[in-house]
Amino acid sequence: RYVRHGIFTTALVTRTMSAFQEEFNLAVEVANKLPKASNEDMLEMYGWFKQSNLGDVNTARPGMFDMKGKAKWDAWEKCKGVSKEEAMQKYCEVIKRLSA
């Protein structure tokens, strides 16, 4: 059985990693076509994207003069401890919300 969410179709079965990856890849494509999002939304997308691909933040926080770098680092840090699968799901949820 499938549920339709806008441009996404989600199976109502236990999802394998490849299913997460497929939905995540679709969400990345959709994100690249979205109109300009707010800074908060962009940072939320960034944090979940980095957590999905690299796991927990693994760099030092940027210095005080790198405001953009600090904001991005902080967004990623907020996702610390979340599994790759859950981070992919959270990223997809953000994209679904923004594309609605």
PDB file of N, CA and C in Angstrom:
ATOM      1  N   ARG A   1       0.833  -1.180   0.000  1.00  0.00           N
ATOM      2  CA  ARG A   1       0.000   0.000   0.000  1.00  0.00           C
ATOM      3  C   ARG A   1       0.870   1.233   0.000  1.00  0.00           C
ATOM      4  N   TYR A   2       0.420   2.269  -0.668  1.00  0.00           N
ATOM      5  CA  TYR A   2       1.189   3.502  -0.774  1.00  0.00           C
ATOM      6  C   TYR A   2       0.338   4.684  -0.356  1.00  0.00           C
ATOM      7  N   VAL A   3       0.990   5.698   0.183  1.00  0.00           N
ATOM      8  CA  VAL A   3       0.338   6.945   0.554  1.00  0.00           C
ATOM      9  C   VAL A   3       0.975   8.046  -0.266  1.00  0.00           C
ATOM     10  N   ARG A   4       0.172   8.907  -0.836  1.00  0.00           N
ATOM     11  CA  ARG A   4       0.678   9.993  -1.683  1.00  0.00           C
ATOM     12  C   ARG A   4       0.803  11.258  -0.853  1.00  0.00           C
ATOM     13  N   HIS A   5       1.966  11.898  -0.860  1.00  0.00           N
ATOM     14  CA  HIS A   5       2.228  13.151  -0.165  1.00  0.00           C
ATOM     15  C   HIS A   5       2.765  14.130  -1.197  1.00  0.00           C
ATOM     16  N   GLY A   6       1.899  14.859  -1.866  1.00  0.00           N
ATOM     17  CA  GLY A   6       2.381  15.792  -2.884  1.00  0.00           C
ATOM     18  C   GLY A   6       3.134  15.033  -3.960  1.00  0.00           C
ATOM     19  N   ILE A   7       4.412  15.297  -4.117  1.00  0.00           N
ATOM     20  CA  ILE A   7       5.207  14.636  -5.144  1.00  0.00           C
ATOM     21  C   ILE A   7       5.869  13.362  -4.621  1.00  0.00           C
ATOM     22  N   PHE A   8       5.680  13.056  -3.348  1.00  0.00           N
ATOM     23  CA  PHE A   8       6.300  11.881  -2.744  1.00  0.00           C
ATOM     24  C   PHE A   8       5.277  10.766  -2.612  1.00  0.00           C
ATOM     25  N   THR A   9       5.697   9.545  -2.801  1.00  0.00           N
ATOM     26  CA  THR A   9       4.874   8.380  -2.532  1.00  0.00           C
ATOM     27  C   THR A   9       5.623   7.538  -1.516  1.00  0.00           C
ATOM     28  N   THR A  10       4.978   7.214  -0.412  1.00  0.00           N
ATOM     29  CA  THR A  10       5.624   6.477   0.660  1.00  0.00           C
ATOM     30  C   THR A  10       4.936   5.132   0.847  1.00  0.00           C
ATOM     31  N   ALA A  11       5.691   4.085   0.875  1.00  0.00           N
ATOM     32  CA  ALA A  11       5.147   2.746   1.110  1.00  0.00           C
ATOM     33  C   ALA A  11       4.841   2.581   2.582  1.00  0.00           C
ATOM     34  N   LEU A  12       3.728   1.910   2.877  1.00  0.00           N
ATOM     35  CA  LEU A  12       3.344   1.643   4.259  1.00  0.00           C
ATOM     36  C   LEU A  12       3.861   0.276   4.683  1.00  0.00           C
ATOM     37  N   VAL A  13       5.143   0.055   4.493  1.00  0.00           N
ATOM     38  CA  VAL A  13       5.810  -1.181   4.886  1.00  0.00           C
ATOM     39  C   VAL A  13       7.114  -0.808   5.549  1.00  0.00           C
ATOM     40  N   THR A  14       7.774  -1.778   6.144  1.00  0.00           N
ATOM     41  CA  THR A  14       9.084  -1.527   6.714  1.00  0.00           C
ATOM     42  C   THR A  14      10.009  -1.104   5.588  1.00  0.00           C
ATOM     43  N   ARG A  15      10.675   0.011   5.770  1.00  0.00           N
ATOM     44  CA  ARG A  15      11.488   0.575   4.707  1.00  0.00           C
ATOM     45  C   ARG A  15      12.928   0.139   4.856  1.00  0.00           C
ATOM     46  N   THR A  16      13.509  -0.231   3.758  1.00  0.00           N
ATOM     47  CA  THR A  16      14.911  -0.606   3.737  1.00  0.00           C
ATOM     48  C   THR A  16      15.752   0.640   3.562  1.00  0.00           C
ATOM     49  N   MET A  17      17.048   0.497   3.750  1.00  0.00           N
ATOM     50  CA  MET A  17      17.950   1.624   3.582  1.00  0.00           C
ATOM     51  C   MET A  17      17.847   2.180   2.167  1.00  0.00           C
ATOM     52  N   SER A  18      17.690   1.298   1.168  1.00  0.00           N
ATOM     53  CA  SER A  18      17.595   1.789  -0.206  1.00  0.00           C
ATOM     54  C   SER A  18      16.327   2.614  -0.397  1.00  0.00           C
ATOM     55  N   ALA A  19      15.254   2.271   0.307  1.00  0.00           N
ATOM     56  CA  ALA A  19      14.027   3.055   0.220  1.00  0.00           C
ATOM     57  C   ALA A  19      14.250   4.442   0.818  1.00  0.00           C
ATOM     58  N   PHE A  20      14.940   4.498   1.960  1.00  0.00           N
ATOM     59  CA  PHE A  20      15.275   5.793   2.552  1.00  0.00           C
ATOM     60  C   PHE A  20      16.130   6.600   1.583  1.00  0.00           C
ATOM     61  N   GLN A  21      17.109   5.944   0.987  1.00  0.00           N
ATOM     62  CA  GLN A  21      18.033   6.620   0.076  1.00  0.00           C
ATOM     63  C   GLN A  21      17.303   7.151  -1.156  1.00  0.00           C
ATOM     64  N   GLU A  22      16.380   6.366  -1.695  1.00  0.00           N
ATOM     65  CA  GLU A  22      15.621   6.801  -2.867  1.00  0.00           C
ATOM     66  C   GLU A  22      14.776   8.032  -2.550  1.00  0.00           C
ATOM     67  N   GLU A  23      14.069   8.003  -1.433  1.00  0.00           N
ATOM     68  CA  GLU A  23      13.240   9.150  -1.056  1.00  0.00           C
ATOM     69  C   GLU A  23      14.124  10.367  -0.769  1.00  0.00           C
ATOM     70  N   PHE A  24      15.248  10.141  -0.110  1.00  0.00           N
ATOM     71  CA  PHE A  24      16.182  11.217   0.190  1.00  0.00           C
ATOM     72  C   PHE A  24      16.709  11.836  -1.107  1.00  0.00           C
ATOM     73  N   ASN A  25      17.104  11.002  -2.069  1.00  0.00           N
ATOM     74  CA  ASN A  25      17.609  11.514  -3.343  1.00  0.00           C
ATOM     75  C   ASN A  25      16.558  12.335  -4.072  1.00  0.00           C
ATOM     76  N   LEU A  26      15.299  11.887  -4.023  1.00  0.00           N
ATOM     77  CA  LEU A  26      14.211  12.647  -4.630  1.00  0.00           C
ATOM     78  C   LEU A  26      14.040  13.985  -3.921  1.00  0.00           C
ATOM     79  N   ALA A  27      14.109  13.963  -2.599  1.00  0.00           N
ATOM     80  CA  ALA A  27      13.970  15.199  -1.830  1.00  0.00           C
ATOM     81  C   ALA A  27      15.085  16.188  -2.167  1.00  0.00           C
ATOM     82  N   VAL A  28      16.304  15.700  -2.364  1.00  0.00           N
ATOM     83  CA  VAL A  28      17.418  16.576  -2.742  1.00  0.00           C
ATOM     84  C   VAL A  28      17.127  17.232  -4.090  1.00  0.00           C
ATOM     85  N   GLU A  29      16.610  16.453  -5.042  1.00  0.00           N
ATOM     86  CA  GLU A  29      16.256  17.012  -6.349  1.00  0.00           C
ATOM     87  C   GLU A  29      15.188  18.080  -6.211  1.00  0.00           C
ATOM     88  N   VAL A  30      14.170  17.803  -5.397  1.00  0.00           N
ATOM     89  CA  VAL A  30      13.091  18.765  -5.178  1.00  0.00           C
ATOM     90  C   VAL A  30      13.632  20.018  -4.503  1.00  0.00           C
ATOM     91  N   ALA A  31      14.511  19.844  -3.518  1.00  0.00           N
ATOM     92  CA  ALA A  31      15.075  20.988  -2.785  1.00  0.00           C
ATOM     93  C   ALA A  31      15.813  21.934  -3.724  1.00  0.00           C
ATOM     94  N   ASN A  32      16.485  21.376  -4.713  1.00  0.00           N
ATOM     95  CA  ASN A  32      17.227  22.206  -5.662  1.00  0.00           C
ATOM     96  C   ASN A  32      16.313  23.023  -6.564  1.00  0.00           C
ATOM     97  N   LYS A  33      15.033  22.669  -6.620  1.00  0.00           N
ATOM     98  CA  LYS A  33      14.073  23.371  -7.470  1.00  0.00           C
ATOM     99  C   LYS A  33      13.116  24.260  -6.678  1.00  0.00           C
ATOM    100  N   LEU A  34      13.243  24.247  -5.355  1.00  0.00           N
ATOM    101  CA  LEU A  34      12.358  25.060  -4.520  1.00  0.00           C
ATOM    102  C   LEU A  34      12.679  26.543  -4.687  1.00  0.00           C
ATOM    103  N   PRO A  35      11.645  27.381  -4.564  1.00  0.00           N
ATOM    104  CA  PRO A  35      11.926  28.822  -4.529  1.00  0.00           C
ATOM    105  C   PRO A  35      12.712  29.150  -3.262  1.00  0.00           C
ATOM    106  N   LYS A  36      13.252  30.309  -3.187  1.00  0.00           N
ATOM    107  CA  LYS A  36      14.085  30.729  -2.049  1.00  0.00           C
ATOM    108  C   LYS A  36      13.356  30.488  -0.731  1.00  0.00           C
ATOM    109  N   ALA A  37      13.987  29.738   0.140  1.00  0.00           N
ATOM    110  CA  ALA A  37      13.430  29.451   1.464  1.00  0.00           C
ATOM    111  C   ALA A  37      14.007  30.441   2.479  1.00  0.00           C
ATOM    112  N   SER A  38      13.400  30.496   3.654  1.00  0.00           N
ATOM    113  CA  SER A  38      13.909  31.369   4.713  1.00  0.00           C
ATOM    114  C   SER A  38      15.251  30.846   5.208  1.00  0.00           C
ATOM    115  N   ASN A  39      16.001  31.702   5.871  1.00  0.00           N
ATOM    116  CA  ASN A  39      17.288  31.282   6.440  1.00  0.00           C
ATOM    117  C   ASN A  39      17.109  30.133   7.420  1.00  0.00           C
ATOM    118  N   GLU A  40      16.052  30.178   8.233  1.00  0.00           N
ATOM    119  CA  GLU A  40      15.800  29.115   9.204  1.00  0.00           C
ATOM    120  C   GLU A  40      15.554  27.786   8.503  1.00  0.00           C
ATOM    121  N   ASP A  41      14.749  27.820   7.436  1.00  0.00           N
ATOM    122  CA  ASP A  41      14.477  26.597   6.683  1.00  0.00           C
ATOM    123  C   ASP A  41      15.739  26.080   6.003  1.00  0.00           C
ATOM    124  N   MET A  42      16.526  26.978   5.438  1.00  0.00           N
ATOM    125  CA  MET A  42      17.774  26.576   4.780  1.00  0.00           C
ATOM    126  C   MET A  42      18.726  25.919   5.780  1.00  0.00           C
ATOM    127  N   LEU A  43      18.819  26.487   6.979  1.00  0.00           N
ATOM    128  CA  LEU A  43      19.696  25.911   7.998  1.00  0.00           C
ATOM    129  C   LEU A  43      19.186  24.554   8.477  1.00  0.00           C
ATOM    130  N   GLU A  44      17.871  24.412   8.594  1.00  0.00           N
ATOM    131  CA  GLU A  44      17.305  23.129   8.990  1.00  0.00           C
ATOM    132  C   GLU A  44      17.600  22.071   7.919  1.00  0.00           C
ATOM    133  N   MET A  45      17.422  22.433   6.654  1.00  0.00           N
ATOM    134  CA  MET A  45      17.742  21.506   5.560  1.00  0.00           C
ATOM    135  C   MET A  45      19.221  21.142   5.597  1.00  0.00           C
ATOM    136  N   TYR A  46      20.074  22.129   5.801  1.00  0.00           N
ATOM    137  CA  TYR A  46      21.520  21.907   5.828  1.00  0.00           C
ATOM    138  C   TYR A  46      21.900  20.927   6.941  1.00  0.00           C
ATOM    139  N   GLY A  47      21.362  21.152   8.137  1.00  0.00           N
ATOM    140  CA  GLY A  47      21.687  20.293   9.273  1.00  0.00           C
ATOM    141  C   GLY A  47      21.309  18.841   9.021  1.00  0.00           C
ATOM    142  N   TRP A  48      20.092  18.614   8.525  1.00  0.00           N
ATOM    143  CA  TRP A  48      19.651  17.245   8.263  1.00  0.00           C
ATOM    144  C   TRP A  48      20.407  16.626   7.099  1.00  0.00           C
ATOM    145  N   PHE A  49      20.743  17.434   6.090  1.00  0.00           N
ATOM    146  CA  PHE A  49      21.517  16.920   4.955  1.00  0.00           C
ATOM    147  C   PHE A  49      22.899  16.456   5.417  1.00  0.00           C
ATOM    148  N   LYS A  50      23.583  17.291   6.190  1.00  0.00           N
ATOM    149  CA  LYS A  50      24.923  16.933   6.678  1.00  0.00           C
ATOM    150  C   LYS A  50      24.861  15.710   7.596  1.00  0.00           C
ATOM    151  N   GLN A  51      23.867  15.656   8.468  1.00  0.00           N
ATOM    152  CA  GLN A  51      23.734  14.513   9.375  1.00  0.00           C
ATOM    153  C   GLN A  51      23.466  13.240   8.575  1.00  0.00           C
ATOM    154  N   SER A  52      22.675  13.344   7.522  1.00  0.00           N
ATOM    155  CA  SER A  52      22.374  12.190   6.665  1.00  0.00           C
ATOM    156  C   SER A  52      23.616  11.663   5.962  1.00  0.00           C
ATOM    157  N   ASN A  53      24.477  12.561   5.550  1.00  0.00           N
ATOM    158  CA  ASN A  53      25.630  12.170   4.749  1.00  0.00           C
ATOM    159  C   ASN A  53      26.896  11.914   5.557  1.00  0.00           C
ATOM    160  N   LEU A  54      27.113  12.678   6.630  1.00  0.00           N
ATOM    161  CA  LEU A  54      28.371  12.583   7.368  1.00  0.00           C
ATOM    162  C   LEU A  54      28.226  12.142   8.817  1.00  0.00           C
ATOM    163  N   GLY A  55      27.001  12.108   9.323  1.00  0.00           N
ATOM    164  CA  GLY A  55      26.820  11.772  10.737  1.00  0.00           C
ATOM    165  C   GLY A  55      27.075  12.986  11.610  1.00  0.00           C
ATOM    166  N   ASP A  56      27.417  12.730  12.872  1.00  0.00           N
ATOM    167  CA  ASP A  56      27.619  13.824  13.828  1.00  0.00           C
ATOM    168  C   ASP A  56      28.717  14.780  13.360  1.00  0.00           C
ATOM    169  N   VAL A  57      28.518  16.042  13.744  1.00  0.00           N
ATOM    170  CA  VAL A  57      29.485  17.085  13.392  1.00  0.00           C
ATOM    171  C   VAL A  57      30.887  16.641  13.815  1.00  0.00           C
ATOM    172  N   ASN A  58      31.846  16.819  12.914  1.00  0.00           N
ATOM    173  CA  ASN A  58      33.195  16.302  13.158  1.00  0.00           C
ATOM    174  C   ASN A  58      34.272  17.365  12.943  1.00  0.00           C
ATOM    175  N   THR A  59      33.883  18.622  13.022  1.00  0.00           N
ATOM    176  CA  THR A  59      34.824  19.729  12.862  1.00  0.00           C
ATOM    177  C   THR A  59      34.662  20.694  14.028  1.00  0.00           C
ATOM    178  N   ALA A  60      35.650  21.535  14.202  1.00  0.00           N
ATOM    179  CA  ALA A  60      35.562  22.569  15.234  1.00  0.00           C
ATOM    180  C   ALA A  60      34.602  23.660  14.768  1.00  0.00           C
ATOM    181  N   ARG A  61      33.958  24.308  15.714  1.00  0.00           N
ATOM    182  CA  ARG A  61      33.049  25.406  15.387  1.00  0.00           C
ATOM    183  C   ARG A  61      33.868  26.553  14.793  1.00  0.00           C
ATOM    184  N   PRO A  62      33.387  27.127  13.689  1.00  0.00           N
ATOM    185  CA  PRO A  62      34.114  28.240  13.063  1.00  0.00           C
ATOM    186  C   PRO A  62      34.296  29.418  14.017  1.00  0.00           C
ATOM    187  N   GLY A  63      35.258  30.251  13.700  1.00  0.00           N
ATOM    188  CA  GLY A  63      35.573  31.411  14.532  1.00  0.00           C
ATOM    189  C   GLY A  63      34.501  32.476  14.523  1.00  0.00           C
ATOM    190  N   MET A  64      34.674  33.470  15.383  1.00  0.00           N
ATOM    191  CA  MET A  64      33.626  34.469  15.583  1.00  0.00           C
ATOM    192  C   MET A  64      33.372  35.369  14.382  1.00  0.00           C
ATOM    193  N   PHE A  65      34.287  35.455  13.452  1.00  0.00           N
ATOM    194  CA  PHE A  65      34.084  36.314  12.292  1.00  0.00           C
ATOM    195  C   PHE A  65      33.400  35.579  11.136  1.00  0.00           C
ATOM    196  N   ASP A  66      33.220  34.283  11.258  1.00  0.00           N
ATOM    197  CA  ASP A  66      32.558  33.486  10.229  1.00  0.00           C
ATOM    198  C   ASP A  66      31.121  33.207  10.667  1.00  0.00           C
ATOM    199  N   MET A  67      30.276  34.214  10.537  1.00  0.00           N
ATOM    200  CA  MET A  67      28.883  34.113  11.003  1.00  0.00           C
ATOM    201  C   MET A  67      28.106  33.032  10.246  1.00  0.00           C
ATOM    202  N   LYS A  68      28.272  32.990   8.935  1.00  0.00           N
ATOM    203  CA  LYS A  68      27.567  31.995   8.128  1.00  0.00           C
ATOM    204  C   LYS A  68      28.030  30.579   8.492  1.00  0.00           C
ATOM    205  N   GLY A  69      29.335  30.405   8.615  1.00  0.00           N
ATOM    206  CA  GLY A  69      29.881  29.101   8.991  1.00  0.00           C
ATOM    207  C   GLY A  69      29.400  28.650  10.353  1.00  0.00           C
ATOM    208  N   LYS A  70      29.322  29.583  11.306  1.00  0.00           N
ATOM    209  CA  LYS A  70      28.841  29.243  12.653  1.00  0.00           C
ATOM    210  C   LYS A  70      27.372  28.832  12.622  1.00  0.00           C
ATOM    211  N   ALA A  71      26.569  29.545  11.845  1.00  0.00           N
ATOM    212  CA  ALA A  71      25.139  29.223  11.760  1.00  0.00           C
ATOM    213  C   ALA A  71      24.949  27.829  11.161  1.00  0.00           C
ATOM    214  N   LYS A  72      25.717  27.514  10.128  1.00  0.00           N
ATOM    215  CA  LYS A  72      25.623  26.199   9.502  1.00  0.00           C
ATOM    216  C   LYS A  72      26.107  25.107  10.461  1.00  0.00           C
ATOM    217  N   TRP A  73      27.211  25.372  11.155  1.00  0.00           N
ATOM    218  CA  TRP A  73      27.751  24.407  12.117  1.00  0.00           C
ATOM    219  C   TRP A  73      26.737  24.158  13.231  1.00  0.00           C
ATOM    220  N   ASP A  74      26.120  25.226  13.741  1.00  0.00           N
ATOM    221  CA  ASP A  74      25.124  25.096  14.807  1.00  0.00           C
ATOM    222  C   ASP A  74      23.914  24.284  14.353  1.00  0.00           C
ATOM    223  N   ALA A  75      23.484  24.491  13.100  1.00  0.00           N
ATOM    224  CA  ALA A  75      22.349  23.735  12.563  1.00  0.00           C
ATOM    225  C   ALA A  75      22.687  22.250  12.499  1.00  0.00           C
ATOM    226  N   TRP A  76      23.894  21.929  12.099  1.00  0.00           N
ATOM    227  CA  TRP A  76      24.330  20.533  12.035  1.00  0.00           C
ATOM    228  C   TRP A  76      24.466  19.958  13.447  1.00  0.00           C
ATOM    229  N   GLU A  77      25.007  20.723  14.359  1.00  0.00           N
ATOM    230  CA  GLU A  77      25.196  20.279  15.745  1.00  0.00           C
ATOM    231  C   GLU A  77      23.859  19.920  16.400  1.00  0.00           C
ATOM    232  N   LYS A  78      22.780  20.641  16.039  1.00  0.00           N
ATOM    233  CA  LYS A  78      21.457  20.350  16.594  1.00  0.00           C
ATOM    234  C   LYS A  78      20.977  18.949  16.225  1.00  0.00           C
ATOM    235  N   CYS A  79      21.526  18.386  15.169  1.00  0.00           N
ATOM    236  CA  CYS A  79      21.118  17.063  14.691  1.00  0.00           C
ATOM    237  C   CYS A  79      21.967  15.940  15.287  1.00  0.00           C
ATOM    238  N   LYS A  80      22.904  16.293  16.134  1.00  0.00           N
ATOM    239  CA  LYS A  80      23.844  15.333  16.703  1.00  0.00           C
ATOM    240  C   LYS A  80      23.112  14.176  17.381  1.00  0.00           C
ATOM    241  N   GLY A  81      23.608  12.958  17.128  1.00  0.00           N
ATOM    242  CA  GLY A  81      23.054  11.775  17.754  1.00  0.00           C
ATOM    243  C   GLY A  81      21.921  11.114  16.989  1.00  0.00           C
ATOM    244  N   VAL A  82      21.454  11.753  15.917  1.00  0.00           N
ATOM    245  CA  VAL A  82      20.355  11.202  15.113  1.00  0.00           C
ATOM    246  C   VAL A  82      20.943  10.236  14.085  1.00  0.00           C
ATOM    247  N   SER A  83      20.307   9.086  13.904  1.00  0.00           N
ATOM    248  CA  SER A  83      20.792   8.091  12.941  1.00  0.00           C
ATOM    249  C   SER A  83      20.678   8.620  11.512  1.00  0.00           C
ATOM    250  N   LYS A  84      21.421   8.010  10.626  1.00  0.00           N
ATOM    251  CA  LYS A  84      21.390   8.392   9.213  1.00  0.00           C
ATOM    252  C   LYS A  84      19.973   8.269   8.661  1.00  0.00           C
ATOM    253  N   GLU A  85      19.301   7.172   8.958  1.00  0.00           N
ATOM    254  CA  GLU A  85      17.951   6.938   8.448  1.00  0.00           C
ATOM    255  C   GLU A  85      16.972   7.991   8.954  1.00  0.00           C
ATOM    256  N   GLU A  86      17.044   8.293  10.251  1.00  0.00           N
ATOM    257  CA  GLU A  86      16.141   9.290  10.816  1.00  0.00           C
ATOM    258  C   GLU A  86      16.448  10.677  10.265  1.00  0.00           C
ATOM    259  N   ALA A  87      17.728  10.984  10.063  1.00  0.00           N
ATOM    260  CA  ALA A  87      18.101  12.281   9.491  1.00  0.00           C
ATOM    261  C   ALA A  87      17.572  12.406   8.062  1.00  0.00           C
ATOM    262  N   MET A  88      17.651  11.319   7.299  1.00  0.00           N
ATOM    263  CA  MET A  88      17.094  11.336   5.937  1.00  0.00           C
ATOM    264  C   MET A  88      15.596  11.597   5.981  1.00  0.00           C
ATOM    265  N   GLN A  89      14.928  10.938   6.915  1.00  0.00           N
ATOM    266  CA  GLN A  89      13.486  11.116   7.060  1.00  0.00           C
ATOM    267  C   GLN A  89      13.155  12.560   7.442  1.00  0.00           C
ATOM    268  N   LYS A  90      13.904  13.122   8.379  1.00  0.00           N
ATOM    269  CA  LYS A  90      13.671  14.508   8.805  1.00  0.00           C
ATOM    270  C   LYS A  90      13.898  15.473   7.646  1.00  0.00           C
ATOM    271  N   TYR A  91      14.950  15.233   6.856  1.00  0.00           N
ATOM    272  CA  TYR A  91      15.230  16.072   5.687  1.00  0.00           C
ATOM    273  C   TYR A  91      14.042  16.017   4.723  1.00  0.00           C
ATOM    274  N   CYS A  92      13.547  14.810   4.459  1.00  0.00           N
ATOM    275  CA  CYS A  92      12.411  14.658   3.552  1.00  0.00           C
ATOM    276  C   CYS A  92      11.178  15.376   4.084  1.00  0.00           C
ATOM    277  N   GLU A  93      10.953  15.327   5.392  1.00  0.00           N
ATOM    278  CA  GLU A  93       9.811  16.018   5.996  1.00  0.00           C
ATOM    279  C   GLU A  93       9.904  17.518   5.797  1.00  0.00           C
ATOM    280  N   VAL A  94      11.107  18.072   5.939  1.00  0.00           N
ATOM    281  CA  VAL A  94      11.296  19.511   5.727  1.00  0.00           C
ATOM    282  C   VAL A  94      10.974  19.864   4.280  1.00  0.00           C
ATOM    283  N   ILE A  95      11.471  19.074   3.341  1.00  0.00           N
ATOM    284  CA  ILE A  95      11.238  19.340   1.925  1.00  0.00           C
ATOM    285  C   ILE A  95       9.751  19.219   1.597  1.00  0.00           C
ATOM    286  N   LYS A  96       9.084  18.218   2.157  1.00  0.00           N
ATOM    287  CA  LYS A  96       7.647  18.061   1.943  1.00  0.00           C
ATOM    288  C   LYS A  96       6.899  19.293   2.433  1.00  0.00           C
ATOM    289  N   ARG A  97       7.268  19.765   3.617  1.00  0.00           N
ATOM    290  CA  ARG A  97       6.607  20.949   4.186  1.00  0.00           C
ATOM    291  C   ARG A  97       6.830  22.171   3.302  1.00  0.00           C
ATOM    292  N   LEU A  98       8.050  22.344   2.810  1.00  0.00           N
ATOM    293  CA  LEU A  98       8.366  23.524   1.998  1.00  0.00           C
ATOM    294  C   LEU A  98       7.803  23.449   0.589  1.00  0.00           C
ATOM    295  N   SER A  99       7.543  22.235   0.099  1.00  0.00           N
ATOM    296  CA  SER A  99       7.030  22.096  -1.265  1.00  0.00           C
ATOM    297  C   SER A  99       5.506  22.021  -1.309  1.00  0.00           C
ATOM    298  N   ALA A 100       4.875  22.046  -0.132  1.00  0.00           N
ATOM    299  CA  ALA A 100       3.398  21.958  -0.076  1.00  0.00           C
ATOM    300  C   ALA A 100       2.743  23.249  -0.531  1.00  0.00           C
TER     301      ALA A 100
END
